[in-house]
């Protein structure tokens, strides 16, 4: 299973948050607290519990602005273009393995797929927006084994965040901490899985 933002594609959300922070003359940490934690996780948007409009209204309220911030979504989505080498890797691996996506993504994942056409390579999708859970929740890490019928130790999760690979490991999954495309491709080239 591959994470989307940070592995299959650059960490588009964080890059977008940085652009929003610059626009509102704030630090990255201040904007991430508002747009990531309070508006994304706090409202339930990341877990698919409220629509996107609620997310943007919450961001506006927390920034104390009446401005319609939905155009800011482009500041985020423009940074999520899939890495060609990673999509090619997923495509090659899908010839031999069940390939999954394990991601804290919202409805944006389907908009991105409409533009870039990458989801066809993934036979299993564990996307927070559809599951009602996020990578903050232990239950999210139990879903892949429960939904595929695989043993947790038959699942390899590739993620760029040590917190996530740590939680996956505690749930019995094998993990690979993504650092660079080259290291990831080399790992699979050695047929280490």
N, C-alpha and C. Protein backbone atom coordinates (compact mmCIF):
# COMPACT_ATOMS: atom_id res chain seq x y z
N UNK A 1 0.85 -1.18 0.00
CA UNK A 1 0.00 0.00 0.00
C UNK A 1 0.89 1.24 0.00
N UNK A 2 0.47 2.21 -0.76
CA UNK A 2 1.20 3.46 -0.87
C UNK A 2 0.37 4.62 -0.31
N UNK A 3 1.04 5.51 0.40
CA UNK A 3 0.45 6.79 0.76
C UNK A 3 0.37 7.62 -0.52
N UNK A 4 -0.56 8.57 -0.57
CA UNK A 4 -0.63 9.43 -1.75
C UNK A 4 0.28 10.65 -1.58
N UNK A 5 -0.14 11.62 -0.77
CA UNK A 5 0.65 12.83 -0.60
C UNK A 5 1.92 12.58 0.19
N UNK A 6 3.06 12.72 -0.46
CA UNK A 6 4.34 12.48 0.19
C UNK A 6 5.05 11.26 -0.37
N UNK A 7 4.28 10.37 -1.02
CA UNK A 7 4.88 9.16 -1.61
C UNK A 7 4.53 9.10 -3.10
N UNK A 8 3.29 8.78 -3.41
CA UNK A 8 2.89 8.69 -4.82
C UNK A 8 2.99 10.06 -5.50
N UNK A 9 2.71 11.08 -4.73
CA UNK A 9 2.81 12.47 -5.21
C UNK A 9 3.55 13.27 -4.16
N UNK A 10 4.01 14.48 -4.49
CA UNK A 10 4.59 15.33 -3.45
C UNK A 10 3.56 15.61 -2.35
N UNK A 11 4.02 16.10 -1.23
CA UNK A 11 3.14 16.42 -0.10
C UNK A 11 2.40 17.71 -0.43
N UNK A 12 1.40 17.58 -1.28
CA UNK A 12 0.68 18.73 -1.81
C UNK A 12 -0.04 19.56 -0.77
N UNK A 13 -0.56 18.90 0.25
CA UNK A 13 -1.29 19.65 1.27
C UNK A 13 -0.35 20.59 2.01
N UNK A 14 0.79 20.08 2.42
CA UNK A 14 1.73 20.92 3.15
C UNK A 14 2.27 22.06 2.28
N UNK A 15 2.52 21.78 1.01
CA UNK A 15 2.98 22.84 0.10
C UNK A 15 1.89 23.90 -0.06
N UNK A 16 0.65 23.45 -0.16
CA UNK A 16 -0.47 24.39 -0.27
C UNK A 16 -0.64 25.21 0.99
N UNK A 17 -0.48 24.58 2.15
CA UNK A 17 -0.57 25.29 3.42
C UNK A 17 0.51 26.36 3.51
N UNK A 18 1.70 26.04 3.02
CA UNK A 18 2.79 27.01 3.01
C UNK A 18 2.41 28.23 2.17
N UNK A 19 1.81 27.99 1.00
CA UNK A 19 1.38 29.10 0.14
C UNK A 19 0.28 29.92 0.81
N UNK A 20 -0.65 29.24 1.49
CA UNK A 20 -1.71 29.96 2.20
C UNK A 20 -1.11 30.78 3.35
N UNK A 21 -0.14 30.21 4.04
CA UNK A 21 0.50 30.92 5.14
C UNK A 21 1.16 32.21 4.64
N UNK A 22 1.83 32.11 3.49
CA UNK A 22 2.47 33.30 2.91
C UNK A 22 1.42 34.34 2.53
N UNK A 23 0.33 33.87 1.98
CA UNK A 23 -0.74 34.79 1.56
C UNK A 23 -1.34 35.54 2.74
N UNK A 24 -1.45 34.87 3.89
CA UNK A 24 -2.06 35.49 5.07
C UNK A 24 -1.02 35.96 6.09
N UNK A 25 0.24 36.00 5.66
CA UNK A 25 1.32 36.50 6.51
C UNK A 25 1.38 35.77 7.86
N UNK A 26 1.37 34.44 7.77
CA UNK A 26 1.42 33.60 8.96
C UNK A 26 2.56 32.61 8.81
N UNK A 27 2.91 31.95 9.89
CA UNK A 27 3.90 30.87 9.80
C UNK A 27 3.21 29.61 9.28
N UNK A 28 4.01 28.69 8.77
CA UNK A 28 3.48 27.41 8.32
C UNK A 28 2.75 26.72 9.47
N UNK A 29 3.36 26.69 10.65
CA UNK A 29 2.77 26.00 11.80
C UNK A 29 1.42 26.59 12.18
N UNK A 30 1.31 27.92 12.13
CA UNK A 30 0.02 28.56 12.46
C UNK A 30 -1.05 28.16 11.45
N UNK A 31 -0.70 28.18 10.16
CA UNK A 31 -1.68 27.84 9.14
C UNK A 31 -2.02 26.35 9.17
N UNK A 32 -1.02 25.51 9.46
CA UNK A 32 -1.29 24.06 9.53
C UNK A 32 -2.24 23.76 10.69
N UNK A 33 -2.07 24.46 11.80
CA UNK A 33 -2.97 24.28 12.95
C UNK A 33 -4.41 24.60 12.56
N UNK A 34 -4.58 25.66 11.76
CA UNK A 34 -5.92 26.08 11.33
C UNK A 34 -6.46 25.18 10.23
N UNK A 35 -5.75 25.10 9.11
CA UNK A 35 -6.28 24.41 7.92
C UNK A 35 -6.14 22.90 7.99
N UNK A 36 -5.12 22.41 8.69
CA UNK A 36 -4.92 20.97 8.79
C UNK A 36 -5.62 20.36 9.98
N UNK A 37 -5.28 20.84 11.15
CA UNK A 37 -5.80 20.21 12.37
C UNK A 37 -7.22 20.64 12.71
N UNK A 38 -7.45 21.94 12.86
CA UNK A 38 -8.77 22.39 13.31
C UNK A 38 -9.85 22.24 12.23
N UNK A 39 -9.55 22.68 11.01
CA UNK A 39 -10.56 22.62 9.95
C UNK A 39 -10.62 21.26 9.27
N UNK A 40 -9.48 20.60 9.09
CA UNK A 40 -9.46 19.30 8.42
C UNK A 40 -9.86 18.15 9.33
N UNK A 41 -9.05 17.94 10.37
CA UNK A 41 -9.32 16.84 11.31
C UNK A 41 -10.46 17.21 12.26
N UNK A 42 -10.41 18.44 12.81
CA UNK A 42 -11.37 18.86 13.83
C UNK A 42 -12.82 18.86 13.38
N UNK A 43 -13.08 19.27 12.14
CA UNK A 43 -14.47 19.28 11.64
C UNK A 43 -14.92 17.91 11.17
N UNK A 44 -13.96 17.02 10.93
CA UNK A 44 -14.29 15.71 10.37
C UNK A 44 -14.20 15.67 8.86
N UNK A 45 -13.78 16.76 8.24
CA UNK A 45 -13.71 16.79 6.77
C UNK A 45 -12.78 15.72 6.22
N UNK A 46 -11.60 15.56 6.81
CA UNK A 46 -10.64 14.58 6.32
C UNK A 46 -11.22 13.17 6.39
N UNK A 47 -12.09 12.93 7.36
CA UNK A 47 -12.72 11.61 7.50
C UNK A 47 -14.05 11.52 6.77
N UNK A 48 -14.37 12.53 5.96
CA UNK A 48 -15.58 12.47 5.14
C UNK A 48 -16.87 12.71 5.90
N UNK A 49 -16.79 13.35 7.06
CA UNK A 49 -17.98 13.53 7.89
C UNK A 49 -18.71 14.84 7.62
N UNK A 50 -18.04 15.77 6.95
CA UNK A 50 -18.69 17.02 6.55
C UNK A 50 -18.23 17.35 5.13
N UNK A 51 -19.03 18.11 4.37
CA UNK A 51 -18.64 18.47 3.00
C UNK A 51 -17.52 19.52 2.96
N UNK A 52 -16.94 19.65 1.81
CA UNK A 52 -15.83 20.58 1.63
C UNK A 52 -16.20 22.03 1.98
N UNK A 53 -17.46 22.41 1.72
CA UNK A 53 -17.88 23.79 2.01
C UNK A 53 -17.69 24.10 3.50
N UNK A 54 -17.98 23.12 4.36
CA UNK A 54 -17.81 23.31 5.81
C UNK A 54 -16.34 23.53 6.13
N UNK A 55 -15.48 22.77 5.46
CA UNK A 55 -14.05 22.93 5.67
C UNK A 55 -13.61 24.36 5.38
N UNK A 56 -13.96 24.89 4.21
CA UNK A 56 -13.51 26.23 3.82
C UNK A 56 -14.16 27.31 4.68
N UNK A 57 -15.42 27.14 5.07
CA UNK A 57 -16.07 28.11 5.96
C UNK A 57 -15.37 28.13 7.32
N UNK A 58 -14.94 26.94 7.78
CA UNK A 58 -14.23 26.87 9.06
C UNK A 58 -12.87 27.55 8.96
N UNK A 59 -12.16 27.32 7.86
CA UNK A 59 -10.87 27.99 7.67
C UNK A 59 -11.08 29.51 7.67
N UNK A 60 -12.10 29.98 6.95
CA UNK A 60 -12.39 31.43 6.90
C UNK A 60 -12.67 31.98 8.29
N UNK A 61 -13.49 31.26 9.04
CA UNK A 61 -13.84 31.71 10.39
C UNK A 61 -12.60 31.77 11.28
N UNK A 62 -11.76 30.74 11.21
CA UNK A 62 -10.56 30.70 12.05
C UNK A 62 -9.54 31.77 11.65
N UNK A 63 -9.56 32.17 10.37
CA UNK A 63 -8.68 33.24 9.91
C UNK A 63 -9.32 34.62 10.11
N UNK A 64 -10.58 34.60 10.59
CA UNK A 64 -11.31 35.84 10.85
C UNK A 64 -11.43 36.69 9.59
N UNK A 65 -11.85 36.03 8.51
CA UNK A 65 -12.04 36.73 7.24
C UNK A 65 -13.39 36.34 6.64
N UNK A 66 -14.00 37.28 5.93
CA UNK A 66 -15.26 37.01 5.22
C UNK A 66 -14.98 36.55 3.79
N UNK A 67 -13.73 36.51 3.42
CA UNK A 67 -13.32 36.14 2.06
C UNK A 67 -13.70 34.69 1.77
N UNK A 68 -14.21 34.44 0.56
CA UNK A 68 -14.47 33.07 0.12
C UNK A 68 -13.12 32.43 -0.20
N UNK A 69 -12.74 31.43 0.57
CA UNK A 69 -11.42 30.83 0.43
C UNK A 69 -11.40 29.60 -0.48
N UNK A 70 -12.53 29.21 -1.05
CA UNK A 70 -12.51 28.01 -1.89
C UNK A 70 -11.50 28.10 -3.04
N UNK A 71 -11.18 29.30 -3.59
CA UNK A 71 -10.11 29.33 -4.60
C UNK A 71 -8.76 28.87 -4.06
N UNK A 72 -8.59 28.90 -2.74
CA UNK A 72 -7.32 28.44 -2.15
C UNK A 72 -7.11 26.94 -2.36
N UNK A 73 -8.18 26.25 -2.69
CA UNK A 73 -8.03 24.80 -2.93
C UNK A 73 -7.03 24.55 -4.06
N UNK A 74 -6.97 25.46 -5.04
CA UNK A 74 -6.00 25.31 -6.13
C UNK A 74 -4.57 25.43 -5.64
N UNK A 75 -4.36 26.21 -4.57
CA UNK A 75 -3.02 26.31 -3.98
C UNK A 75 -2.56 24.95 -3.46
N UNK A 76 -3.53 24.13 -3.09
CA UNK A 76 -3.23 22.78 -2.58
C UNK A 76 -3.18 21.77 -3.73
N UNK A 77 -4.24 21.72 -4.52
CA UNK A 77 -4.36 20.68 -5.56
C UNK A 77 -3.28 20.79 -6.62
N UNK A 78 -2.82 21.98 -6.91
CA UNK A 78 -1.78 22.15 -7.93
C UNK A 78 -0.46 21.48 -7.54
N UNK A 79 -0.30 21.14 -6.27
CA UNK A 79 0.94 20.53 -5.79
C UNK A 79 0.88 19.01 -5.71
N UNK A 80 -0.24 18.42 -6.10
CA UNK A 80 -0.46 16.99 -5.92
C UNK A 80 -0.26 16.16 -7.18
N UNK A 81 0.45 16.66 -8.16
CA UNK A 81 0.65 15.89 -9.39
C UNK A 81 1.45 14.63 -9.08
N UNK A 82 0.93 13.45 -9.46
CA UNK A 82 1.64 12.20 -9.15
C UNK A 82 3.03 12.17 -9.77
N UNK A 83 3.94 11.53 -9.04
CA UNK A 83 5.30 11.33 -9.55
C UNK A 83 5.26 10.20 -10.57
N UNK A 84 5.73 10.48 -11.78
CA UNK A 84 5.65 9.49 -12.86
C UNK A 84 6.35 8.19 -12.49
N UNK A 85 7.52 8.27 -11.87
CA UNK A 85 8.25 7.05 -11.50
C UNK A 85 7.49 6.21 -10.48
N UNK A 86 6.76 6.87 -9.58
CA UNK A 86 6.01 6.13 -8.56
C UNK A 86 4.77 5.48 -9.17
N UNK A 87 4.12 6.18 -10.09
CA UNK A 87 2.95 5.59 -10.76
C UNK A 87 3.40 4.40 -11.60
N UNK A 88 4.54 4.55 -12.27
CA UNK A 88 5.08 3.44 -13.07
C UNK A 88 5.42 2.26 -12.17
N UNK A 89 5.98 2.52 -10.99
CA UNK A 89 6.29 1.46 -10.05
C UNK A 89 5.01 0.75 -9.61
N UNK A 90 3.99 1.49 -9.26
CA UNK A 90 2.72 0.89 -8.85
C UNK A 90 2.13 0.04 -9.98
N UNK A 91 2.23 0.54 -11.20
CA UNK A 91 1.72 -0.20 -12.36
C UNK A 91 2.48 -1.52 -12.53
N UNK A 92 3.80 -1.48 -12.41
CA UNK A 92 4.60 -2.71 -12.53
C UNK A 92 4.29 -3.69 -11.41
N UNK A 93 4.20 -3.19 -10.19
CA UNK A 93 3.92 -4.06 -9.05
C UNK A 93 2.54 -4.69 -9.14
N UNK A 94 1.59 -3.98 -9.76
CA UNK A 94 0.22 -4.50 -9.85
C UNK A 94 0.14 -5.75 -10.73
N UNK A 95 1.17 -6.01 -11.51
CA UNK A 95 1.20 -7.23 -12.31
C UNK A 95 1.46 -8.46 -11.45
N UNK A 96 2.03 -8.24 -10.26
CA UNK A 96 2.41 -9.36 -9.39
C UNK A 96 1.70 -9.34 -8.03
N UNK A 97 1.35 -8.14 -7.57
CA UNK A 97 0.79 -7.98 -6.23
C UNK A 97 -0.53 -7.21 -6.26
N UNK A 98 -1.30 -7.36 -5.18
CA UNK A 98 -2.44 -6.47 -4.96
C UNK A 98 -1.84 -5.14 -4.49
N UNK A 99 -2.17 -4.07 -5.17
CA UNK A 99 -1.62 -2.76 -4.84
C UNK A 99 -2.73 -1.91 -4.22
N UNK A 100 -2.40 -1.26 -3.12
CA UNK A 100 -3.39 -0.45 -2.42
C UNK A 100 -2.93 0.97 -2.21
N UNK A 101 -3.90 1.82 -1.93
CA UNK A 101 -3.66 3.21 -1.58
C UNK A 101 -4.13 3.38 -0.13
N UNK A 102 -3.30 3.94 0.71
CA UNK A 102 -3.60 4.14 2.13
C UNK A 102 -3.35 5.60 2.41
N UNK A 103 -4.42 6.40 2.45
CA UNK A 103 -4.21 7.84 2.40
C UNK A 103 -5.24 8.63 3.19
N UNK A 104 -4.75 9.68 3.85
CA UNK A 104 -5.62 10.68 4.47
C UNK A 104 -6.02 11.69 3.40
N UNK A 105 -6.77 11.23 2.44
CA UNK A 105 -7.22 12.12 1.36
C UNK A 105 -8.71 12.37 1.49
N UNK A 106 -9.12 13.47 0.89
CA UNK A 106 -10.52 13.86 0.89
C UNK A 106 -11.11 13.57 -0.49
N UNK A 107 -12.24 14.19 -0.79
CA UNK A 107 -12.86 14.07 -2.10
C UNK A 107 -11.92 14.53 -3.21
N UNK A 108 -10.86 15.25 -2.85
CA UNK A 108 -9.91 15.74 -3.84
C UNK A 108 -9.22 14.62 -4.59
N UNK A 109 -9.12 13.43 -3.99
CA UNK A 109 -8.40 12.32 -4.64
C UNK A 109 -9.05 11.97 -5.98
N UNK A 110 -10.38 12.06 -6.07
CA UNK A 110 -11.07 11.71 -7.31
C UNK A 110 -10.94 12.83 -8.35
N UNK A 111 -10.87 14.04 -7.88
CA UNK A 111 -10.61 15.15 -8.80
C UNK A 111 -9.21 15.03 -9.39
N UNK A 112 -8.26 14.68 -8.54
CA UNK A 112 -6.88 14.47 -9.01
C UNK A 112 -6.81 13.28 -9.97
N UNK A 113 -7.54 12.21 -9.66
CA UNK A 113 -7.55 11.05 -10.55
C UNK A 113 -8.17 11.40 -11.90
N UNK A 114 -9.20 12.24 -11.89
CA UNK A 114 -9.81 12.67 -13.15
C UNK A 114 -8.81 13.40 -14.03
N UNK A 115 -7.88 14.07 -13.40
CA UNK A 115 -6.87 14.83 -14.14
C UNK A 115 -5.68 13.97 -14.54
N UNK A 116 -5.27 13.04 -13.64
CA UNK A 116 -4.03 12.30 -13.87
C UNK A 116 -4.21 10.80 -14.12
N UNK A 117 -5.36 10.24 -13.79
CA UNK A 117 -5.66 8.84 -14.10
C UNK A 117 -4.76 7.80 -13.44
N UNK A 118 -4.55 7.88 -12.14
CA UNK A 118 -3.63 6.95 -11.46
C UNK A 118 -4.35 5.87 -10.66
N UNK A 119 -5.61 6.08 -10.29
CA UNK A 119 -6.28 5.13 -9.40
C UNK A 119 -6.49 3.75 -10.03
N UNK A 120 -6.47 3.66 -11.34
CA UNK A 120 -6.69 2.38 -12.01
C UNK A 120 -5.63 1.35 -11.64
N UNK A 121 -4.50 1.79 -11.12
CA UNK A 121 -3.43 0.86 -10.74
C UNK A 121 -3.61 0.28 -9.33
N UNK A 122 -4.63 0.75 -8.62
CA UNK A 122 -4.83 0.35 -7.23
C UNK A 122 -6.11 -0.45 -7.07
N UNK A 123 -5.96 -1.72 -6.74
CA UNK A 123 -7.14 -2.57 -6.59
C UNK A 123 -7.78 -2.42 -5.21
N UNK A 124 -7.04 -1.88 -4.26
CA UNK A 124 -7.59 -1.64 -2.92
C UNK A 124 -7.34 -0.19 -2.54
N UNK A 125 -8.37 0.46 -2.02
CA UNK A 125 -8.25 1.86 -1.64
C UNK A 125 -8.75 2.05 -0.21
N UNK A 126 -7.87 2.50 0.65
CA UNK A 126 -8.23 2.84 2.02
C UNK A 126 -8.02 4.35 2.15
N UNK A 127 -9.07 5.09 1.86
CA UNK A 127 -9.02 6.54 1.80
C UNK A 127 -9.86 7.09 2.95
N UNK A 128 -9.25 7.92 3.76
CA UNK A 128 -9.90 8.41 4.98
C UNK A 128 -11.28 9.00 4.71
N UNK A 129 -11.42 9.76 3.65
CA UNK A 129 -12.68 10.42 3.34
C UNK A 129 -13.82 9.42 3.17
N UNK A 130 -13.49 8.22 2.71
CA UNK A 130 -14.52 7.19 2.50
C UNK A 130 -14.70 6.28 3.71
N UNK A 131 -13.68 6.20 4.56
CA UNK A 131 -13.73 5.23 5.67
C UNK A 131 -14.21 5.84 6.98
N UNK A 132 -14.28 7.16 7.06
CA UNK A 132 -14.72 7.79 8.29
C UNK A 132 -13.67 7.78 9.39
N UNK A 133 -12.45 7.44 9.04
CA UNK A 133 -11.33 7.40 9.97
C UNK A 133 -10.13 8.02 9.28
N UNK A 134 -9.13 8.41 10.07
CA UNK A 134 -7.90 8.96 9.49
C UNK A 134 -6.70 8.22 10.06
N UNK A 135 -5.54 8.61 9.62
CA UNK A 135 -4.30 8.00 10.12
C UNK A 135 -4.04 8.33 11.59
N UNK A 136 -4.87 9.18 12.16
CA UNK A 136 -4.80 9.45 13.60
C UNK A 136 -5.48 8.34 14.40
N UNK A 137 -6.33 7.54 13.72
CA UNK A 137 -7.17 6.54 14.39
C UNK A 137 -6.61 5.12 14.24
N UNK A 138 -6.50 4.41 15.35
CA UNK A 138 -6.04 3.02 15.31
C UNK A 138 -6.87 2.17 14.36
N UNK A 139 -8.17 2.40 14.34
CA UNK A 139 -9.06 1.60 13.50
C UNK A 139 -8.75 1.69 12.03
N UNK A 140 -8.17 2.79 11.59
CA UNK A 140 -7.82 2.95 10.18
C UNK A 140 -6.77 1.91 9.77
N UNK A 141 -5.88 1.57 10.70
CA UNK A 141 -4.80 0.63 10.42
C UNK A 141 -5.28 -0.82 10.45
N UNK A 142 -6.45 -1.05 11.01
CA UNK A 142 -7.00 -2.41 11.02
C UNK A 142 -7.79 -2.71 9.75
N UNK A 143 -8.19 -1.67 9.04
CA UNK A 143 -9.04 -1.86 7.85
C UNK A 143 -8.40 -2.69 6.75
N UNK A 144 -7.15 -2.42 6.35
CA UNK A 144 -6.60 -3.17 5.20
C UNK A 144 -6.65 -4.69 5.38
N UNK A 145 -6.22 -5.18 6.52
CA UNK A 145 -6.27 -6.64 6.73
C UNK A 145 -7.72 -7.12 6.79
N UNK A 146 -8.56 -6.38 7.50
CA UNK A 146 -9.95 -6.78 7.64
C UNK A 146 -10.71 -6.77 6.32
N UNK A 147 -10.41 -5.81 5.47
CA UNK A 147 -11.15 -5.68 4.21
C UNK A 147 -10.59 -6.55 3.09
N UNK A 148 -9.32 -6.90 3.16
CA UNK A 148 -8.73 -7.71 2.08
C UNK A 148 -8.64 -9.19 2.45
N UNK A 149 -8.73 -9.50 3.75
CA UNK A 149 -8.57 -10.87 4.20
C UNK A 149 -7.12 -11.30 4.32
N UNK A 150 -6.19 -10.36 4.12
CA UNK A 150 -4.77 -10.66 4.27
C UNK A 150 -4.36 -10.59 5.73
N UNK A 151 -3.31 -11.30 6.08
CA UNK A 151 -2.72 -11.13 7.40
C UNK A 151 -1.99 -9.79 7.40
N UNK A 152 -1.99 -9.08 8.54
CA UNK A 152 -1.29 -7.80 8.57
C UNK A 152 0.17 -7.90 8.12
N UNK A 153 0.85 -9.00 8.45
CA UNK A 153 2.27 -9.09 8.07
C UNK A 153 2.47 -9.43 6.59
N UNK A 154 1.37 -9.61 5.86
CA UNK A 154 1.45 -9.76 4.41
C UNK A 154 1.27 -8.42 3.69
N UNK A 155 1.11 -7.37 4.47
CA UNK A 155 0.88 -6.03 3.93
C UNK A 155 2.11 -5.17 4.18
N UNK A 156 2.56 -4.50 3.14
CA UNK A 156 3.67 -3.55 3.25
C UNK A 156 3.11 -2.15 3.01
N UNK A 157 3.31 -1.26 3.97
CA UNK A 157 2.87 0.11 3.83
C UNK A 157 4.08 1.00 3.57
N UNK A 158 3.99 1.79 2.50
CA UNK A 158 5.03 2.77 2.16
C UNK A 158 4.47 4.14 2.50
N UNK A 159 5.09 4.82 3.47
CA UNK A 159 4.62 6.14 3.89
C UNK A 159 5.84 7.01 4.21
N UNK A 160 5.67 8.31 4.11
CA UNK A 160 6.78 9.23 4.35
C UNK A 160 6.83 9.76 5.78
N UNK A 161 5.89 9.35 6.62
CA UNK A 161 5.87 9.85 7.99
C UNK A 161 6.17 8.73 8.99
N UNK A 162 7.23 8.90 9.79
CA UNK A 162 7.58 7.87 10.79
C UNK A 162 6.44 7.55 11.76
N UNK A 163 5.61 8.56 12.09
CA UNK A 163 4.48 8.30 12.98
C UNK A 163 3.53 7.26 12.36
N UNK A 164 3.31 7.36 11.06
CA UNK A 164 2.39 6.46 10.37
C UNK A 164 3.00 5.07 10.23
N UNK A 165 4.27 5.00 9.82
CA UNK A 165 4.89 3.67 9.71
C UNK A 165 4.99 3.02 11.08
N UNK A 166 5.19 3.83 12.12
CA UNK A 166 5.23 3.28 13.48
C UNK A 166 3.90 2.68 13.89
N UNK A 167 2.81 3.39 13.62
CA UNK A 167 1.48 2.87 13.96
C UNK A 167 1.16 1.63 13.14
N UNK A 168 1.51 1.64 11.86
CA UNK A 168 1.26 0.47 11.01
C UNK A 168 2.04 -0.73 11.53
N UNK A 169 3.28 -0.52 11.94
CA UNK A 169 4.10 -1.59 12.50
C UNK A 169 3.49 -2.16 13.76
N UNK A 170 2.92 -1.30 14.60
CA UNK A 170 2.28 -1.78 15.83
C UNK A 170 1.03 -2.60 15.52
N UNK A 171 0.47 -2.41 14.33
CA UNK A 171 -0.69 -3.20 13.92
C UNK A 171 -0.29 -4.41 13.07
N UNK A 172 0.99 -4.71 13.07
CA UNK A 172 1.46 -5.94 12.43
C UNK A 172 1.86 -5.82 10.98
N UNK A 173 1.74 -4.63 10.39
CA UNK A 173 2.12 -4.47 8.99
C UNK A 173 3.62 -4.29 8.85
N UNK A 174 4.11 -4.67 7.71
CA UNK A 174 5.50 -4.35 7.37
C UNK A 174 5.49 -2.94 6.80
N UNK A 175 6.59 -2.23 6.97
CA UNK A 175 6.61 -0.83 6.55
C UNK A 175 7.91 -0.47 5.85
N UNK A 176 7.80 0.53 5.01
CA UNK A 176 8.96 1.13 4.36
C UNK A 176 8.78 2.64 4.50
N UNK A 177 9.72 3.28 5.18
CA UNK A 177 9.68 4.74 5.30
C UNK A 177 10.21 5.34 4.00
N UNK A 178 9.35 6.05 3.30
CA UNK A 178 9.72 6.67 2.03
C UNK A 178 10.60 7.88 2.30
N UNK A 179 11.77 7.89 1.65
CA UNK A 179 12.65 9.05 1.75
C UNK A 179 12.86 9.70 0.38
N UNK A 180 13.09 8.87 -0.64
CA UNK A 180 13.24 9.38 -2.01
C UNK A 180 12.63 8.37 -2.97
N UNK A 181 12.30 8.85 -4.16
CA UNK A 181 11.78 7.94 -5.18
C UNK A 181 12.81 6.86 -5.49
N UNK A 182 14.07 7.25 -5.62
CA UNK A 182 15.12 6.28 -5.95
C UNK A 182 15.22 5.18 -4.89
N UNK A 183 15.23 5.54 -3.62
CA UNK A 183 15.32 4.52 -2.57
C UNK A 183 14.13 3.57 -2.61
N UNK A 184 12.97 4.11 -2.88
CA UNK A 184 11.76 3.27 -2.94
C UNK A 184 11.82 2.33 -4.14
N UNK A 185 12.15 2.86 -5.29
CA UNK A 185 12.24 2.03 -6.50
C UNK A 185 13.32 0.96 -6.32
N UNK A 186 14.46 1.34 -5.75
CA UNK A 186 15.55 0.37 -5.51
C UNK A 186 15.10 -0.74 -4.56
N UNK A 187 14.32 -0.39 -3.56
CA UNK A 187 13.81 -1.38 -2.61
C UNK A 187 13.02 -2.46 -3.34
N UNK A 188 12.12 -2.05 -4.22
CA UNK A 188 11.31 -3.03 -4.94
C UNK A 188 12.10 -3.71 -6.05
N UNK A 189 13.07 -3.04 -6.59
CA UNK A 189 13.91 -3.66 -7.62
C UNK A 189 14.66 -4.86 -7.06
N UNK A 190 15.04 -4.76 -5.79
CA UNK A 190 15.72 -5.89 -5.14
C UNK A 190 14.75 -7.00 -4.79
N UNK A 191 13.44 -6.79 -5.11
CA UNK A 191 12.39 -7.77 -4.82
C UNK A 191 12.35 -8.09 -3.34
N UNK A 192 12.58 -7.03 -2.53
CA UNK A 192 12.65 -7.22 -1.08
C UNK A 192 11.30 -7.64 -0.49
N UNK A 193 10.24 -7.38 -1.20
CA UNK A 193 8.92 -7.75 -0.66
C UNK A 193 8.60 -9.16 -1.09
